[in-house]
Amino acid sequence: MSHTTVLVVEDNELNQKLITRQLAHLGATDIAVVGNGLEALDWLALHSCDLVLADCHMPLMDGYAMTRQIRLGELRSGAPRLPVIAYSAGVTDEEKATCRAAGMDDHIPKPVPMAVLQAMLRTWLYKTG
C-alpha cells in the first residue's frame, strides 16, 4: 500500500488510541493526532495529508467549523479538495445532514467497526479509477 497520511482530530484520548490502532492495522503509514479543530488547522498549515478524520464535537473548535475553514481555504487557494470524514457518535439523519452542510465528505460512527473504516478508506483513499 502506498504512503498514506491521515490526520485524526479527536479530543478523547481513548478514542485517539483506538482509531489510530485501527488505521495502522488497515495500512495507514503516517497518522497524526490533534485534539481540536484549531490544532488541526495549525497542523494543516504546515503539513499535508491524504484524509482528515474529525470528531464533530470538540472544545475550542468543533469538526464542523474546522471543515468550513478547510473548504474556505481550498476555495481561496484553488487547492484540491481534502477528504474530511466525520467521526461521530451521532448517527442520525440530522447529524449527517449537518456534516454535509459543513462540507464534510462522509460520516462514520464512533466507535467505528473495522469493516466500516476499511470501506471508508477504500472509498476516499484507494480509488483505482
C-alpha atoms as a PDB file:
ATOM      1  CA  MET A   1       0.000   0.000   0.000  1.00  0.00           C
ATOM      2  CA  SER A   2       1.314   3.437  -0.842  1.00  0.00           C
ATOM      3  CA  HIS A   3       2.272   6.052   1.742  1.00  0.00           C
ATOM      4  CA  THR A   4      -0.874   7.380   3.410  1.00  0.00           C
ATOM      5  CA  THR A   5      -1.128  10.252   5.870  1.00  0.00           C
ATOM      6  CA  VAL A   6      -4.276  10.589   7.972  1.00  0.00           C
ATOM      7  CA  LEU A   7      -4.948  13.447  10.369  1.00  0.00           C
ATOM      8  CA  VAL A   8      -7.146  12.360  13.294  1.00  0.00           C
ATOM      9  CA  VAL A   9      -8.917  15.252  15.026  1.00  0.00           C
ATOM     10  CA  GLU A  10     -10.286  13.876  18.289  1.00  0.00           C
ATOM     11  CA  ASP A  11     -10.309  15.272  21.827  1.00  0.00           C
ATOM     12  CA  ASN A  12     -10.777  11.977  23.702  1.00  0.00           C
ATOM     13  CA  GLU A  13      -7.501  10.138  24.402  1.00  0.00           C
ATOM     14  CA  LEU A  14      -9.080   6.668  24.449  1.00  0.00           C
ATOM     15  CA  ASN A  15     -10.776   7.311  21.098  1.00  0.00           C
ATOM     16  CA  GLN A  16      -7.469   8.624  19.717  1.00  0.00           C
ATOM     17  CA  LYS A  17      -5.709   5.387  20.650  1.00  0.00           C
ATOM     18  CA  LEU A  18      -8.458   3.176  19.273  1.00  0.00           C
ATOM     19  CA  ILE A  19      -8.793   4.886  15.905  1.00  0.00           C
ATOM     20  CA  THR A  20      -5.025   5.171  15.365  1.00  0.00           C
ATOM     21  CA  ARG A  21      -4.620   1.438  16.027  1.00  0.00           C
ATOM     22  CA  GLN A  22      -7.413   0.677  13.603  1.00  0.00           C
ATOM     23  CA  LEU A  23      -5.945   2.954  10.922  1.00  0.00           C
ATOM     24  CA  ALA A  24      -2.479   1.449  11.341  1.00  0.00           C
ATOM     25  CA  HIS A  25      -3.919  -2.063  11.115  1.00  0.00           C
ATOM     26  CA  LEU A  26      -5.584  -1.090   7.837  1.00  0.00           C
ATOM     27  CA  GLY A  27      -2.364   0.263   6.347  1.00  0.00           C
ATOM     28  CA  ALA A  28      -2.189   3.971   7.113  1.00  0.00           C
ATOM     29  CA  THR A  29       1.532   4.657   7.198  1.00  0.00           C
ATOM     30  CA  ASP A  30       1.536   8.079   8.869  1.00  0.00           C
ATOM     31  CA  ILE A  31      -1.086   9.069  11.431  1.00  0.00           C
ATOM     32  CA  ALA A  32      -1.079  12.481  13.103  1.00  0.00           C
ATOM     33  CA  VAL A  33      -3.370  13.225  16.045  1.00  0.00           C
ATOM     34  CA  VAL A  34      -4.573  16.603  17.316  1.00  0.00           C
ATOM     35  CA  GLY A  35      -7.156  17.442  19.966  1.00  0.00           C
ATOM     36  CA  ASN A  36      -9.435  20.004  18.280  1.00  0.00           C
ATOM     37  CA  GLY A  37     -10.182  21.903  15.097  1.00  0.00           C
ATOM     38  CA  LEU A  38      -7.846  24.805  15.866  1.00  0.00           C
ATOM     39  CA  GLU A  39      -4.927  22.406  16.315  1.00  0.00           C
ATOM     40  CA  ALA A  40      -5.934  20.694  13.069  1.00  0.00           C
ATOM     41  CA  LEU A  41      -5.866  23.950  11.104  1.00  0.00           C
ATOM     42  CA  ASP A  42      -2.452  24.777  12.579  1.00  0.00           C
ATOM     43  CA  TRP A  43      -1.183  21.292  11.670  1.00  0.00           C
ATOM     44  CA  LEU A  44      -2.582  21.533   8.127  1.00  0.00           C
ATOM     45  CA  ALA A  45      -0.858  24.902   7.627  1.00  0.00           C
ATOM     46  CA  LEU A  46       2.483  23.103   7.996  1.00  0.00           C
ATOM     47  CA  HIS A  47       1.782  19.590   6.692  1.00  0.00           C
ATOM     48  CA  SER A  48      -0.174  17.796   4.031  1.00  0.00           C
ATOM     49  CA  CYS A  49      -2.287  14.711   4.423  1.00  0.00           C
ATOM     50  CA  ASP A  50      -4.486  12.429   2.377  1.00  0.00           C
ATOM     51  CA  LEU A  51      -7.535  12.435   4.645  1.00  0.00           C
ATOM     52  CA  VAL A  52      -8.879  14.107   7.785  1.00  0.00           C
ATOM     53  CA  LEU A  53     -10.931  12.057  10.218  1.00  0.00           C
ATOM     54  CA  ALA A  54     -12.655  14.509  12.578  1.00  0.00           C
ATOM     55  CA  ASP A  55     -14.868  14.310  15.605  1.00  0.00           C
ATOM     56  CA  CYS A  56     -17.807  16.677  15.218  1.00  0.00           C
ATOM     57  CA  HIS A  57     -17.996  17.814  18.850  1.00  0.00           C
ATOM     58  CA  MET A  58     -14.773  19.130  20.401  1.00  0.00           C
ATOM     59  CA  PRO A  59     -13.744  22.069  22.592  1.00  0.00           C
ATOM     60  CA  LEU A  60     -12.340  25.307  21.131  1.00  0.00           C
ATOM     61  CA  MET A  61     -13.293  24.440  17.528  1.00  0.00           C
ATOM     62  CA  ASP A  62     -15.541  21.581  16.505  1.00  0.00           C
ATOM     63  CA  GLY A  63     -15.288  19.491  13.371  1.00  0.00           C
ATOM     64  CA  TYR A  64     -17.964  21.489  11.566  1.00  0.00           C
ATOM     65  CA  ALA A  65     -16.204  24.845  11.967  1.00  0.00           C
ATOM     66  CA  MET A  66     -12.850  23.243  11.141  1.00  0.00           C
ATOM     67  CA  THR A  67     -14.241  21.777   7.912  1.00  0.00           C
ATOM     68  CA  ARG A  68     -15.802  25.095   6.881  1.00  0.00           C
ATOM     69  CA  GLN A  69     -12.368  26.722   7.358  1.00  0.00           C
ATOM     70  CA  ILE A  70     -10.661  23.999   5.306  1.00  0.00           C
ATOM     71  CA  ARG A  71     -13.191  24.439   2.479  1.00  0.00           C
ATOM     72  CA  LEU A  72     -12.807  28.224   2.555  1.00  0.00           C
ATOM     73  CA  GLY A  73      -9.029  27.864   2.316  1.00  0.00           C
ATOM     74  CA  GLU A  74      -9.366  25.471  -0.628  1.00  0.00           C
ATOM     75  CA  LEU A  75     -11.693  27.900  -2.386  1.00  0.00           C
ATOM     76  CA  ARG A  76      -9.324  30.824  -1.857  1.00  0.00           C
ATOM     77  CA  SER A  77      -6.159  28.949  -2.871  1.00  0.00           C
ATOM     78  CA  GLY A  78      -7.522  26.641  -5.561  1.00  0.00           C
ATOM     79  CA  ALA A  79      -6.126  23.646  -3.665  1.00  0.00           C
ATOM     80  CA  PRO A  80      -7.643  20.239  -4.382  1.00  0.00           C
ATOM     81  CA  ARG A  81     -10.407  19.067  -2.063  1.00  0.00           C
ATOM     82  CA  LEU A  82      -9.107  17.274   1.023  1.00  0.00           C
ATOM     83  CA  PRO A  83     -11.417  14.446   2.106  1.00  0.00           C
ATOM     84  CA  VAL A  84     -12.837  15.236   5.550  1.00  0.00           C
ATOM     85  CA  ILE A  85     -14.719  12.407   7.210  1.00  0.00           C
ATOM     86  CA  ALA A  86     -16.929  12.963  10.252  1.00  0.00           C
ATOM     87  CA  TYR A  87     -16.201  10.531  13.078  1.00  0.00           C
ATOM     88  CA  SER A  88     -19.084  10.860  15.484  1.00  0.00           C
ATOM     89  CA  ALA A  89     -21.338   9.023  17.885  1.00  0.00           C
ATOM     90  CA  GLY A  90     -24.243  10.938  16.322  1.00  0.00           C
ATOM     91  CA  VAL A  91     -25.626   8.814  13.504  1.00  0.00           C
ATOM     92  CA  THR A  92     -28.999  10.468  12.953  1.00  0.00           C
ATOM     93  CA  ASP A  93     -30.030  11.785   9.561  1.00  0.00           C
ATOM     94  CA  GLU A  94     -29.950  15.293  11.046  1.00  0.00           C
ATOM     95  CA  GLU A  95     -26.323  14.821  12.186  1.00  0.00           C
ATOM     96  CA  LYS A  96     -25.340  13.529   8.752  1.00  0.00           C
ATOM     97  CA  ALA A  97     -27.046  16.498   7.089  1.00  0.00           C
ATOM     98  CA  THR A  98     -25.178  18.886   9.395  1.00  0.00           C
ATOM     99  CA  CYS A  99     -21.916  17.185   8.400  1.00  0.00           C
ATOM    100  CA  ARG A 100     -22.686  17.561   4.690  1.00  0.00           C
ATOM    101  CA  ALA A 101     -23.708  21.193   5.150  1.00  0.00           C
ATOM    102  CA  ALA A 102     -20.355  21.905   6.824  1.00  0.00           C
ATOM    103  CA  GLY A 103     -18.531  20.409   3.831  1.00  0.00           C
ATOM    104  CA  MET A 104     -17.662  17.005   5.237  1.00  0.00           C
ATOM    105  CA  ASP A 105     -17.450  14.255   2.629  1.00  0.00           C
ATOM    106  CA  ASP A 106     -18.666  11.259   4.612  1.00  0.00           C
ATOM    107  CA  HIS A 107     -19.706  10.139   8.088  1.00  0.00           C
ATOM    108  CA  ILE A 108     -18.683   7.078  10.097  1.00  0.00           C
ATOM    109  CA  PRO A 109     -19.969   6.050  13.536  1.00  0.00           C
ATOM    110  CA  LYS A 110     -17.988   6.098  16.745  1.00  0.00           C
ATOM    111  CA  PRO A 111     -16.830   3.551  17.708  1.00  0.00           C
ATOM    112  CA  VAL A 112     -16.273   2.505  14.119  1.00  0.00           C
ATOM    113  CA  PRO A 113     -16.393  -1.162  13.125  1.00  0.00           C
ATOM    114  CA  MET A 114     -13.239  -2.215  11.244  1.00  0.00           C
ATOM    115  CA  ALA A 115     -15.238  -3.139   8.130  1.00  0.00           C
ATOM    116  CA  VAL A 116     -16.813   0.335   8.013  1.00  0.00           C
ATOM    117  CA  LEU A 117     -13.428   2.039   8.452  1.00  0.00           C
ATOM    118  CA  GLN A 118     -11.889  -0.155   5.770  1.00  0.00           C
ATOM    119  CA  ALA A 119     -14.705   0.639   3.335  1.00  0.00           C
ATOM    120  CA  MET A 120     -14.328   4.367   4.037  1.00  0.00           C
ATOM    121  CA  LEU A 121     -10.575   4.214   3.379  1.00  0.00           C
ATOM    122  CA  ARG A 122     -11.160   2.373   0.126  1.00  0.00           C
ATOM    123  CA  THR A 123     -13.723   4.953  -0.930  1.00  0.00           C
ATOM    124  CA  TRP A 124     -11.690   8.050  -0.139  1.00  0.00           C
ATOM    125  CA  LEU A 125      -8.048   6.979  -0.401  1.00  0.00           C
ATOM    126  CA  TYR A 126      -7.527   3.932  -2.514  1.00  0.00           C
ATOM    127  CA  LYS A 127      -9.674   4.596  -5.539  1.00  0.00           C
ATOM    128  CA  THR A 128      -8.359   2.715  -8.516  1.00  0.00           C
ATOM    129  CA  GLY A 129     -10.358   4.536 -11.117  1.00  0.00           C
END
